[in-house]
PDB file of N, CA and C in Angstrom:
ATOM      1  N   UNK A   1      47.464 -49.534  25.217  1.00  0.00           N
ATOM      2  CA  UNK A   1      48.333 -49.462  26.374  1.00  0.00           C
ATOM      3  C   UNK A   1      47.511 -49.095  27.620  1.00  0.00           C
ATOM      4  N   UNK A   2      47.777 -49.787  28.680  1.00  0.00           N
ATOM      5  CA  UNK A   2      47.052 -49.554  29.927  1.00  0.00           C
ATOM      6  C   UNK A   2      47.529 -48.260  30.587  1.00  0.00           C
ATOM      7  N   UNK A   3      46.594 -47.434  30.987  1.00  0.00           N
ATOM      8  CA  UNK A   3      46.914 -46.163  31.637  1.00  0.00           C
ATOM      9  C   UNK A   3      46.973 -46.344  33.156  1.00  0.00           C
ATOM     10  N   UNK A   4      47.660 -45.411  33.814  1.00  0.00           N
ATOM     11  CA  UNK A   4      47.749 -45.425  35.277  1.00  0.00           C
ATOM     12  C   UNK A   4      47.020 -44.181  35.787  1.00  0.00           C
ATOM     13  N   UNK A   5      45.882 -44.396  36.447  1.00  0.00           N
ATOM     14  CA  UNK A   5      45.093 -43.288  36.967  1.00  0.00           C
ATOM     15  C   UNK A   5      45.404 -43.066  38.444  1.00  0.00           C
ATOM     16  N   UNK A   6      45.362 -41.795  38.857  1.00  0.00           N
ATOM     17  CA  UNK A   6      45.611 -41.419  40.255  1.00  0.00           C
ATOM     18  C   UNK A   6      44.580 -40.373  40.668  1.00  0.00           C
ATOM     19  N   UNK A   7      44.540 -40.069  41.967  1.00  0.00           N
ATOM     20  CA  UNK A   7      43.673 -38.979  42.428  1.00  0.00           C
ATOM     21  C   UNK A   7      44.007 -37.694  41.681  1.00  0.00           C
ATOM     22  N   UNK A   8      45.300 -37.485  41.433  1.00  0.00           N
ATOM     23  CA  UNK A   8      45.761 -36.240  40.820  1.00  0.00           C
ATOM     24  C   UNK A   8      45.365 -36.109  39.343  1.00  0.00           C
ATOM     25  N   UNK A   9      45.377 -37.214  38.584  1.00  0.00           N
ATOM     26  CA  UNK A   9      45.083 -37.097  37.147  1.00  0.00           C
ATOM     27  C   UNK A   9      43.675 -37.555  36.773  1.00  0.00           C
ATOM     28  N   UNK A  10      42.873 -37.965  37.752  1.00  0.00           N
ATOM     29  CA  UNK A  10      41.554 -38.533  37.477  1.00  0.00           C
ATOM     30  C   UNK A  10      40.641 -37.580  36.696  1.00  0.00           C
ATOM     31  N   UNK A  11      40.563 -36.338  37.114  1.00  0.00           N
ATOM     32  CA  UNK A  11      39.658 -35.384  36.439  1.00  0.00           C
ATOM     33  C   UNK A  11      40.022 -35.235  34.965  1.00  0.00           C
ATOM     34  N   UNK A  12      41.298 -35.145  34.676  1.00  0.00           N
ATOM     35  CA  UNK A  12      41.741 -34.950  33.290  1.00  0.00           C
ATOM     36  C   UNK A  12      41.705 -36.249  32.483  1.00  0.00           C
ATOM     37  N   UNK A  13      42.262 -37.319  33.048  1.00  0.00           N
ATOM     38  CA  UNK A  13      42.439 -38.574  32.304  1.00  0.00           C
ATOM     39  C   UNK A  13      41.188 -39.455  32.242  1.00  0.00           C
ATOM     40  N   UNK A  14      40.274 -39.278  33.184  1.00  0.00           N
ATOM     41  CA  UNK A  14      39.054 -40.097  33.186  1.00  0.00           C
ATOM     42  C   UNK A  14      37.835 -39.239  32.863  1.00  0.00           C
ATOM     43  N   UNK A  15      37.535 -38.274  33.683  1.00  0.00           N
ATOM     44  CA  UNK A  15      36.314 -37.476  33.511  1.00  0.00           C
ATOM     45  C   UNK A  15      36.326 -36.744  32.167  1.00  0.00           C
ATOM     46  N   UNK A  16      37.394 -36.026  31.864  1.00  0.00           N
ATOM     47  CA  UNK A  16      37.449 -35.264  30.609  1.00  0.00           C
ATOM     48  C   UNK A  16      37.502 -36.175  29.385  1.00  0.00           C
ATOM     49  N   UNK A  17      38.347 -37.206  29.432  1.00  0.00           N
ATOM     50  CA  UNK A  17      38.475 -38.118  28.286  1.00  0.00           C
ATOM     51  C   UNK A  17      37.154 -38.843  28.025  1.00  0.00           C
ATOM     52  N   UNK A  18      36.404 -39.141  29.086  1.00  0.00           N
ATOM     53  CA  UNK A  18      35.138 -39.871  28.910  1.00  0.00           C
ATOM     54  C   UNK A  18      34.085 -39.058  28.156  1.00  0.00           C
ATOM     55  N   UNK A  19      34.358 -37.789  27.951  1.00  0.00           N
ATOM     56  CA  UNK A  19      33.422 -36.965  27.159  1.00  0.00           C
ATOM     57  C   UNK A  19      33.568 -37.248  25.666  1.00  0.00           C
ATOM     58  N   UNK A  20      34.674 -37.925  25.276  1.00  0.00           N
ATOM     59  CA  UNK A  20      34.886 -38.245  23.866  1.00  0.00           C
ATOM     60  C   UNK A  20      34.916 -39.741  23.577  1.00  0.00           C
ATOM     61  N   UNK A  21      35.191 -40.553  24.609  1.00  0.00           N
ATOM     62  CA  UNK A  21      35.213 -42.004  24.440  1.00  0.00           C
ATOM     63  C   UNK A  21      35.057 -42.664  25.804  1.00  0.00           C
ATOM     64  N   UNK A  22      34.627 -43.944  25.828  1.00  0.00           N
ATOM     65  CA  UNK A  22      34.476 -44.606  27.123  1.00  0.00           C
ATOM     66  C   UNK A  22      35.822 -44.809  27.813  1.00  0.00           C
ATOM     67  N   UNK A  23      35.785 -44.763  29.136  1.00  0.00           N
ATOM     68  CA  UNK A  23      36.976 -44.997  29.949  1.00  0.00           C
ATOM     69  C   UNK A  23      36.643 -46.086  30.966  1.00  0.00           C
ATOM     70  N   UNK A  24      37.464 -47.128  31.010  1.00  0.00           N
ATOM     71  CA  UNK A  24      37.299 -48.201  31.987  1.00  0.00           C
ATOM     72  C   UNK A  24      38.388 -48.065  33.039  1.00  0.00           C
ATOM     73  N   UNK A  25      37.979 -48.005  34.301  1.00  0.00           N
ATOM     74  CA  UNK A  25      38.930 -47.907  35.408  1.00  0.00           C
ATOM     75  C   UNK A  25      38.835 -49.176  36.248  1.00  0.00           C
ATOM     76  N   UNK A  26      39.985 -49.821  36.431  1.00  0.00           N
ATOM     77  CA  UNK A  26      40.108 -51.006  37.282  1.00  0.00           C
ATOM     78  C   UNK A  26      40.685 -50.555  38.620  1.00  0.00           C
ATOM     79  N   UNK A  27      39.856 -50.566  39.662  1.00  0.00           N
ATOM     80  CA  UNK A  27      40.306 -50.218  41.012  1.00  0.00           C
ATOM     81  C   UNK A  27      40.883 -51.488  41.641  1.00  0.00           C
ATOM     82  N   UNK A  28      42.150 -51.437  42.069  1.00  0.00           N
ATOM     83  CA  UNK A  28      42.840 -52.629  42.550  1.00  0.00           C
ATOM     84  C   UNK A  28      43.760 -52.302  43.725  1.00  0.00           C
ATOM     85  N   UNK A  29      44.333 -53.376  44.312  1.00  0.00           N
ATOM     86  CA  UNK A  29      45.399 -53.249  45.303  1.00  0.00           C
ATOM     87  C   UNK A  29      46.459 -54.290  44.971  1.00  0.00           C
ATOM     88  N   UNK A  30      47.715 -53.963  45.248  1.00  0.00           N
ATOM     89  CA  UNK A  30      48.834 -54.856  44.927  1.00  0.00           C
ATOM     90  C   UNK A  30      48.711 -56.216  45.607  1.00  0.00           C
ATOM     91  N   UNK A  31      48.186 -56.263  46.826  1.00  0.00           N
ATOM     92  CA  UNK A  31      48.125 -57.493  47.609  1.00  0.00           C
ATOM     93  C   UNK A  31      46.949 -58.400  47.242  1.00  0.00           C
ATOM     94  N   UNK A  32      46.081 -57.945  46.378  1.00  0.00           N
ATOM     95  CA  UNK A  32      44.843 -58.653  46.027  1.00  0.00           C
ATOM     96  C   UNK A  32      45.086 -59.651  44.891  1.00  0.00           C
ATOM     97  N   UNK A  33      44.935 -60.958  45.202  1.00  0.00           N
ATOM     98  CA  UNK A  33      45.134 -62.007  44.201  1.00  0.00           C
ATOM     99  C   UNK A  33      44.244 -61.866  42.972  1.00  0.00           C
ATOM    100  N   UNK A  34      42.907 -61.770  43.145  1.00  0.00           N
ATOM    101  CA  UNK A  34      42.030 -61.603  41.982  1.00  0.00           C
ATOM    102  C   UNK A  34      42.348 -60.335  41.177  1.00  0.00           C
ATOM    103  N   UNK A  35      42.859 -59.305  41.855  1.00  0.00           N
ATOM    104  CA  UNK A  35      43.220 -58.064  41.148  1.00  0.00           C
ATOM    105  C   UNK A  35      44.372 -58.308  40.170  1.00  0.00           C
ATOM    106  N   UNK A  36      45.287 -59.176  40.544  1.00  0.00           N
ATOM    107  CA  UNK A  36      46.415 -59.491  39.658  1.00  0.00           C
ATOM    108  C   UNK A  36      45.921 -60.182  38.401  1.00  0.00           C
ATOM    109  N   UNK A  37      44.987 -61.124  38.564  1.00  0.00           N
ATOM    110  CA  UNK A  37      44.389 -61.784  37.399  1.00  0.00           C
ATOM    111  C   UNK A  37      43.631 -60.778  36.546  1.00  0.00           C
ATOM    112  N   UNK A  38      42.863 -59.896  37.209  1.00  0.00           N
ATOM    113  CA  UNK A  38      42.107 -58.875  36.490  1.00  0.00           C
ATOM    114  C   UNK A  38      43.050 -57.940  35.749  1.00  0.00           C
ATOM    115  N   UNK A  39      44.175 -57.631  36.376  1.00  0.00           N
ATOM    116  CA  UNK A  39      45.145 -56.727  35.761  1.00  0.00           C
ATOM    117  C   UNK A  39      45.654 -57.218  34.424  1.00  0.00           C
ATOM    118  N   UNK A  40      45.914 -58.514  34.312  1.00  0.00           N
ATOM    119  CA  UNK A  40      46.396 -59.037  33.026  1.00  0.00           C
ATOM    120  C   UNK A  40      45.293 -58.988  31.971  1.00  0.00           C
ATOM    121  N   UNK A  41      44.043 -59.186  32.391  1.00  0.00           N
ATOM    122  CA  UNK A  41      42.905 -59.072  31.469  1.00  0.00           C
ATOM    123  C   UNK A  41      42.765 -57.620  31.008  1.00  0.00           C
ATOM    124  N   UNK A  42      42.945 -56.681  31.929  1.00  0.00           N
ATOM    125  CA  UNK A  42      42.867 -55.253  31.595  1.00  0.00           C
ATOM    126  C   UNK A  42      43.948 -54.887  30.578  1.00  0.00           C
ATOM    127  N   UNK A  43      45.154 -55.412  30.762  1.00  0.00           N
ATOM    128  CA  UNK A  43      46.244 -55.142  29.821  1.00  0.00           C
ATOM    129  C   UNK A  43      45.905 -55.659  28.425  1.00  0.00           C
ATOM    130  N   UNK A  44      45.352 -56.866  28.340  1.00  0.00           N
ATOM    131  CA  UNK A  44      44.952 -57.436  27.049  1.00  0.00           C
ATOM    132  C   UNK A  44      43.855 -56.586  26.403  1.00  0.00           C
ATOM    133  N   UNK A  45      42.888 -56.205  27.206  1.00  0.00           N
ATOM    134  CA  UNK A  45      41.762 -55.404  26.722  1.00  0.00           C
ATOM    135  C   UNK A  45      42.244 -54.049  26.195  1.00  0.00           C
ATOM    136  N   UNK A  46      43.154 -53.425  26.911  1.00  0.00           N
ATOM    137  CA  UNK A  46      43.700 -52.135  26.480  1.00  0.00           C
ATOM    138  C   UNK A  46      44.399 -52.275  25.132  1.00  0.00           C
ATOM    139  N   UNK A  47      45.167 -53.342  24.961  1.00  0.00           N
ATOM    140  CA  UNK A  47      45.858 -53.569  23.683  1.00  0.00           C
ATOM    141  C   UNK A  47      44.856 -53.781  22.551  1.00  0.00           C
ATOM    142  N   UNK A  48      43.806 -54.547  22.806  1.00  0.00           N
ATOM    143  CA  UNK A  48      42.816 -54.843  21.771  1.00  0.00           C
ATOM    144  C   UNK A  48      41.946 -53.638  21.427  1.00  0.00           C
ATOM    145  N   UNK A  49      41.607 -52.819  22.407  1.00  0.00           N
ATOM    146  CA  UNK A  49      40.742 -51.660  22.156  1.00  0.00           C
ATOM    147  C   UNK A  49      41.505 -50.502  21.515  1.00  0.00           C
ATOM    148  N   UNK A  50      42.795 -50.440  21.719  1.00  0.00           N
ATOM    149  CA  UNK A  50      43.588 -49.365  21.139  1.00  0.00           C
ATOM    150  C   UNK A  50      43.097 -48.005  21.592  1.00  0.00           C
ATOM    151  N   UNK A  51      42.940 -47.095  20.652  1.00  0.00           N
ATOM    152  CA  UNK A  51      42.527 -45.719  20.955  1.00  0.00           C
ATOM    153  C   UNK A  51      41.003 -45.551  21.037  1.00  0.00           C
ATOM    154  N   UNK A  52      40.242 -46.616  20.775  1.00  0.00           N
ATOM    155  CA  UNK A  52      38.774 -46.513  20.795  1.00  0.00           C
ATOM    156  C   UNK A  52      38.242 -46.218  22.194  1.00  0.00           C
ATOM    157  N   UNK A  53      38.976 -46.691  23.218  1.00  0.00           N
ATOM    158  CA  UNK A  53      38.580 -46.475  24.610  1.00  0.00           C
ATOM    159  C   UNK A  53      39.841 -46.279  25.439  1.00  0.00           C
ATOM    160  N   UNK A  54      39.707 -45.578  26.536  1.00  0.00           N
ATOM    161  CA  UNK A  54      40.826 -45.429  27.477  1.00  0.00           C
ATOM    162  C   UNK A  54      40.626 -46.457  28.582  1.00  0.00           C
ATOM    163  N   UNK A  55      41.641 -47.256  28.819  1.00  0.00           N
ATOM    164  CA  UNK A  55      41.535 -48.327  29.804  1.00  0.00           C
ATOM    165  C   UNK A  55      42.731 -48.242  30.735  1.00  0.00           C
ATOM    166  N   UNK A  56      42.438 -48.244  32.040  1.00  0.00           N
ATOM    167  CA  UNK A  56      43.539 -48.126  32.982  1.00  0.00           C
ATOM    168  C   UNK A  56      43.212 -48.640  34.357  1.00  0.00           C
ATOM    169  N   UNK A  57      44.212 -48.519  35.227  1.00  0.00           N
ATOM    170  CA  UNK A  57      44.130 -49.047  36.585  1.00  0.00           C
ATOM    171  C   UNK A  57      44.352 -47.929  37.592  1.00  0.00           C
ATOM    172  N   UNK A  58      43.736 -48.106  38.760  1.00  0.00           N
ATOM    173  CA  UNK A  58      43.915 -47.149  39.851  1.00  0.00           C
ATOM    174  C   UNK A  58      44.125 -47.925  41.145  1.00  0.00           C
ATOM    175  N   UNK A  59      45.284 -47.737  41.757  1.00  0.00           N
ATOM    176  CA  UNK A  59      45.615 -48.404  43.016  1.00  0.00           C
ATOM    177  C   UNK A  59      44.854 -47.708  44.142  1.00  0.00           C
ATOM    178  N   UNK A  60      43.965 -48.447  44.809  1.00  0.00           N
ATOM    179  CA  UNK A  60      43.116 -47.836  45.841  1.00  0.00           C
ATOM    180  C   UNK A  60      43.906 -47.422  47.085  1.00  0.00           C
ATOM    181  N   UNK A  61      45.055 -48.027  47.285  1.00  0.00           N
ATOM    182  CA  UNK A  61      45.867 -47.642  48.439  1.00  0.00           C
ATOM    183  C   UNK A  61      46.603 -46.333  48.185  1.00  0.00           C
ATOM    184  N   UNK A  62      46.932 -46.050  46.938  1.00  0.00           N
ATOM    185  CA  UNK A  62      47.608 -44.799  46.580  1.00  0.00           C
ATOM    186  C   UNK A  62      46.613 -43.689  46.266  1.00  0.00           C
ATOM    187  N   UNK A  63      45.410 -44.065  45.852  1.00  0.00           N
ATOM    188  CA  UNK A  63      44.399 -43.090  45.424  1.00  0.00           C
ATOM    189  C   UNK A  63      43.069 -43.379  46.097  1.00  0.00           C
ATOM    190  N   UNK A  64      43.065 -43.321  47.408  1.00  0.00           N
ATOM    191  CA  UNK A  64      41.866 -43.687  48.167  1.00  0.00           C
ATOM    192  C   UNK A  64      40.747 -42.661  48.037  1.00  0.00           C
ATOM    193  N   UNK A  65      41.089 -41.406  47.782  1.00  0.00           N
ATOM    194  CA  UNK A  65      40.069 -40.350  47.674  1.00  0.00           C
ATOM    195  C   UNK A  65      39.071 -40.661  46.551  1.00  0.00           C
ATOM    196  N   UNK A  66      39.582 -40.982  45.379  1.00  0.00           N
ATOM    197  CA  UNK A  66      38.716 -41.278  44.236  1.00  0.00           C
ATOM    198  C   UNK A  66      37.941 -42.570  44.465  1.00  0.00           C
ATOM    199  N   UNK A  67      38.603 -43.574  45.025  1.00  0.00           N
ATOM    200  CA  UNK A  67      37.923 -44.839  45.307  1.00  0.00           C
ATOM    201  C   UNK A  67      36.748 -44.612  46.256  1.00  0.00           C
ATOM    202  N   UNK A  68      36.957 -43.810  47.289  1.00  0.00           N
ATOM    203  CA  UNK A  68      35.872 -43.486  48.226  1.00  0.00           C
ATOM    204  C   UNK A  68      34.753 -42.728  47.536  1.00  0.00           C
ATOM    205  N   UNK A  69      35.133 -41.770  46.719  1.00  0.00           N
ATOM    206  CA  UNK A  69      34.149 -40.936  46.024  1.00  0.00           C
ATOM    207  C   UNK A  69      33.197 -41.777  45.168  1.00  0.00           C
ATOM    208  N   UNK A  70      33.714 -42.869  44.580  1.00  0.00           N
ATOM    209  CA  UNK A  70      32.894 -43.723  43.731  1.00  0.00           C
ATOM    210  C   UNK A  70      32.404 -44.979  44.444  1.00  0.00           C
ATOM    211  N   UNK A  71      32.523 -45.003  45.773  1.00  0.00           N
ATOM    212  CA  UNK A  71      31.954 -46.078  46.570  1.00  0.00           C
ATOM    213  C   UNK A  71      32.609 -47.430  46.394  1.00  0.00           C
ATOM    214  N   UNK A  72      33.895 -47.443  46.071  1.00  0.00           N
ATOM    215  CA  UNK A  72      34.603 -48.711  45.893  1.00  0.00           C
ATOM    216  C   UNK A  72      34.829 -49.337  47.274  1.00  0.00           C
ATOM    217  N   UNK A  73      34.148 -50.452  47.517  1.00  0.00           N
ATOM    218  CA  UNK A  73      34.251 -51.155  48.796  1.00  0.00           C
ATOM    219  C   UNK A  73      34.906 -52.520  48.630  1.00  0.00           C
ATOM    220  N   UNK A  74      34.866 -53.053  47.423  1.00  0.00           N
ATOM    221  CA  UNK A  74      35.390 -54.373  47.102  1.00  0.00           C
ATOM    222  C   UNK A  74      36.354 -54.224  45.938  1.00  0.00           C
ATOM    223  N   UNK A  75      37.416 -55.029  45.948  1.00  0.00           N
ATOM    224  CA  UNK A  75      38.323 -55.005  44.809  1.00  0.00           C
ATOM    225  C   UNK A  75      38.487 -56.419  44.270  1.00  0.00           C
ATOM    226  N   UNK A  76      38.654 -56.593  42.978  1.00  0.00           N
ATOM    227  CA  UNK A  76      38.625 -55.512  42.002  1.00  0.00           C
ATOM    228  C   UNK A  76      37.212 -54.972  41.767  1.00  0.00           C
ATOM    229  N   UNK A  77      37.142 -53.674  41.543  1.00  0.00           N
ATOM    230  CA  UNK A  77      35.927 -53.011  41.077  1.00  0.00           C
ATOM    231  C   UNK A  77      36.284 -52.332  39.771  1.00  0.00           C
ATOM    232  N   UNK A  78      35.428 -52.485  38.779  1.00  0.00           N
ATOM    233  CA  UNK A  78      35.652 -51.860  37.481  1.00  0.00           C
ATOM    234  C   UNK A  78      34.485 -50.927  37.194  1.00  0.00           C
ATOM    235  N   UNK A  79      34.802 -49.710  36.778  1.00  0.00           N
ATOM    236  CA  UNK A  79      33.768 -48.719  36.475  1.00  0.00           C
ATOM    237  C   UNK A  79      34.007 -48.164  35.075  1.00  0.00           C
ATOM    238  N   UNK A  80      32.937 -48.133  34.288  1.00  0.00           N
ATOM    239  CA  UNK A  80      32.985 -47.517  32.960  1.00  0.00           C
ATOM    240  C   UNK A  80      32.451 -46.096  33.093  1.00  0.00           C
ATOM    241  N   UNK A  81      33.199 -45.143  32.544  1.00  0.00           N
ATOM    242  CA  UNK A  81      32.801 -43.737  32.545  1.00  0.00           C
ATOM    243  C   UNK A  81      32.515 -43.310  31.111  1.00  0.00           C
ATOM    244  N   UNK A  82      31.459 -42.527  30.952  1.00  0.00           N
ATOM    245  CA  UNK A  82      31.110 -41.935  29.660  1.00  0.00           C
ATOM    246  C   UNK A  82      30.441 -40.597  29.937  1.00  0.00           C
ATOM    247  N   UNK A  83      30.759 -39.602  29.140  1.00  0.00           N
ATOM    248  CA  UNK A  83      30.188 -38.257  29.283  1.00  0.00           C
ATOM    249  C   UNK A  83      30.401 -37.687  30.685  1.00  0.00           C
ATOM    250  N   UNK A  84      31.553 -37.996  31.271  1.00  0.00           N
ATOM    251  CA  UNK A  84      31.920 -37.418  32.553  1.00  0.00           C
ATOM    252  C   UNK A  84      31.335 -38.095  33.781  1.00  0.00           C
ATOM    253  N   UNK A  85      30.606 -39.212  33.570  1.00  0.00           N
ATOM    254  CA  UNK A  85      30.015 -39.863  34.739  1.00  0.00           C
ATOM    255  C   UNK A  85      30.119 -41.386  34.646  1.00  0.00           C
ATOM    256  N   UNK A  86      29.939 -42.029  35.799  1.00  0.00           N
ATOM    257  CA  UNK A  86      29.947 -43.487  35.885  1.00  0.00           C
ATOM    258  C   UNK A  86      28.673 -44.034  35.230  1.00  0.00           C
ATOM    259  N   UNK A  87      28.831 -44.981  34.295  1.00  0.00           N
ATOM    260  CA  UNK A  87      27.666 -45.545  33.609  1.00  0.00           C
ATOM    261  C   UNK A  87      27.509 -47.050  33.818  1.00  0.00           C
ATOM    262  N   UNK A  88      28.551 -47.719  34.307  1.00  0.00           N
ATOM    263  CA  UNK A  88      28.478 -49.158  34.580  1.00  0.00           C
ATOM    264  C   UNK A  88      29.499 -49.497  35.654  1.00  0.00           C
ATOM    265  N   UNK A  89      29.135 -50.450  36.509  1.00  0.00           N
ATOM    266  CA  UNK A  89      29.960 -50.787  37.665  1.00  0.00           C
ATOM    267  C   UNK A  89      29.955 -52.297  37.859  1.00  0.00           C
ATOM    268  N   UNK A  90      31.134 -52.900  38.018  1.00  0.00           N
ATOM    269  CA  UNK A  90      31.253 -54.346  38.194  1.00  0.00           C
ATOM    270  C   UNK A  90      32.203 -54.630  39.349  1.00  0.00           C
ATOM    271  N   UNK A  91      31.876 -55.603  40.170  1.00  0.00           N
ATOM    272  CA  UNK A  91      32.783 -56.000  41.246  1.00  0.00           C
ATOM    273  C   UNK A  91      33.187 -57.455  41.040  1.00  0.00           C
ATOM    274  N   UNK A  92      34.385 -57.782  41.484  1.00  0.00           N
ATOM    275  CA  UNK A  92      34.900 -59.130  41.316  1.00  0.00           C
ATOM    276  C   UNK A  92      35.546 -59.308  39.947  1.00  0.00           C
ATOM    277  N   UNK A  93      36.179 -60.435  39.781  1.00  0.00           N
ATOM    278  CA  UNK A  93      36.901 -60.748  38.553  1.00  0.00           C
ATOM    279  C   UNK A  93      35.949 -60.820  37.361  1.00  0.00           C
ATOM    280  N   UNK A  94      36.268 -60.073  36.299  1.00  0.00           N
ATOM    281  CA  UNK A  94      35.441 -60.022  35.091  1.00  0.00           C
ATOM    282  C   UNK A  94      36.249 -60.553  33.911  1.00  0.00           C
ATOM    283  N   UNK A  95      35.612 -61.300  33.017  1.00  0.00           N
ATOM    284  CA  UNK A  95      36.355 -61.806  31.860  1.00  0.00           C
ATOM    285  C   UNK A  95      36.438 -60.749  30.757  1.00  0.00           C
ATOM    286  N   UNK A  96      37.375 -60.942  29.875  1.00  0.00           N
ATOM    287  CA  UNK A  96      37.655 -59.954  28.827  1.00  0.00           C
ATOM    288  C   UNK A  96      36.455 -59.733  27.907  1.00  0.00           C
ATOM    289  N   UNK A  97      35.787 -60.817  27.511  1.00  0.00           N
ATOM    290  CA  UNK A  97      34.670 -60.682  26.576  1.00  0.00           C
ATOM    291  C   UNK A  97      33.525 -59.852  27.144  1.00  0.00           C
ATOM    292  N   UNK A  98      33.191 -60.069  28.423  1.00  0.00           N
ATOM    293  CA  UNK A  98      32.084 -59.299  29.007  1.00  0.00           C
ATOM    294  C   UNK A  98      32.473 -57.830  29.151  1.00  0.00           C
ATOM    295  N   UNK A  99      33.725 -57.555  29.492  1.00  0.00           N
ATOM    296  CA  UNK A  99      34.173 -56.158  29.579  1.00  0.00           C
ATOM    297  C   UNK A  99      34.163 -55.493  28.205  1.00  0.00           C
ATOM    298  N   UNK A 100      34.611 -56.222  27.193  1.00  0.00           N
ATOM    299  CA  UNK A 100      34.617 -55.696  25.823  1.00  0.00           C
ATOM    300  C   UNK A 100      33.189 -55.342  25.399  1.00  0.00           C
ATOM    301  N   UNK A 101      32.234 -56.214  25.697  1.00  0.00           N
ATOM    302  CA  UNK A 101      30.832 -55.972  25.361  1.00  0.00           C
ATOM    303  C   UNK A 101      30.331 -54.701  26.056  1.00  0.00           C
ATOM    304  N   UNK A 102      30.649 -54.553  27.320  1.00  0.00           N
ATOM    305  CA  UNK A 102      30.210 -53.372  28.077  1.00  0.00           C
ATOM    306  C   UNK A 102      30.799 -52.084  27.503  1.00  0.00           C
ATOM    307  N   UNK A 103      32.082 -52.105  27.190  1.00  0.00           N
ATOM    308  CA  UNK A 103      32.736 -50.908  26.648  1.00  0.00           C
ATOM    309  C   UNK A 103      32.141 -50.547  25.289  1.00  0.00           C
ATOM    310  N   UNK A 104      31.903 -51.548  24.447  1.00  0.00           N
ATOM    311  CA  UNK A 104      31.385 -51.290  23.099  1.00  0.00           C
ATOM    312  C   UNK A 104      29.999 -50.640  23.119  1.00  0.00           C
ATOM    313  N   UNK A 105      29.242 -50.839  24.212  1.00  0.00           N
ATOM    314  CA  UNK A 105      27.929 -50.184  24.331  1.00  0.00           C
ATOM    315  C   UNK A 105      28.066 -48.659  24.314  1.00  0.00           C
ATOM    316  N   UNK A 106      29.225 -48.160  24.716  1.00  0.00           N
ATOM    317  CA  UNK A 106      29.412 -46.713  24.873  1.00  0.00           C
ATOM    318  C   UNK A 106      30.314 -46.095  23.803  1.00  0.00           C
ATOM    319  N   UNK A 107      30.651 -46.868  22.767  1.00  0.00           N
ATOM    320  CA  UNK A 107      31.478 -46.317  21.681  1.00  0.00           C
ATOM    321  C   UNK A 107      30.651 -45.429  20.777  1.00  0.00           C
TER     322      UNK A 107
END
């Protein structure tokens, strides 16, 4: 199931959880066409990964503080977190297989 990350829950749901398993965050905006396509891929990926990884989305318009903190300038931007820090960063539309490969590196 795809998680919903915000500025308020980021420390607990991303940073803390990444100490036990990889966390993929999709930074998006509602008005962004490629983000909508990426969003459906993220939903599929979350279903396939199950509890092995935490996968979710963060709306940059609602949670701009975290997006700024991680240097998100382009959307969609996807960041993999492990052990409390960012370990991989991708911009633009990414396919499911390449994201799955990246996440599995940190399992």
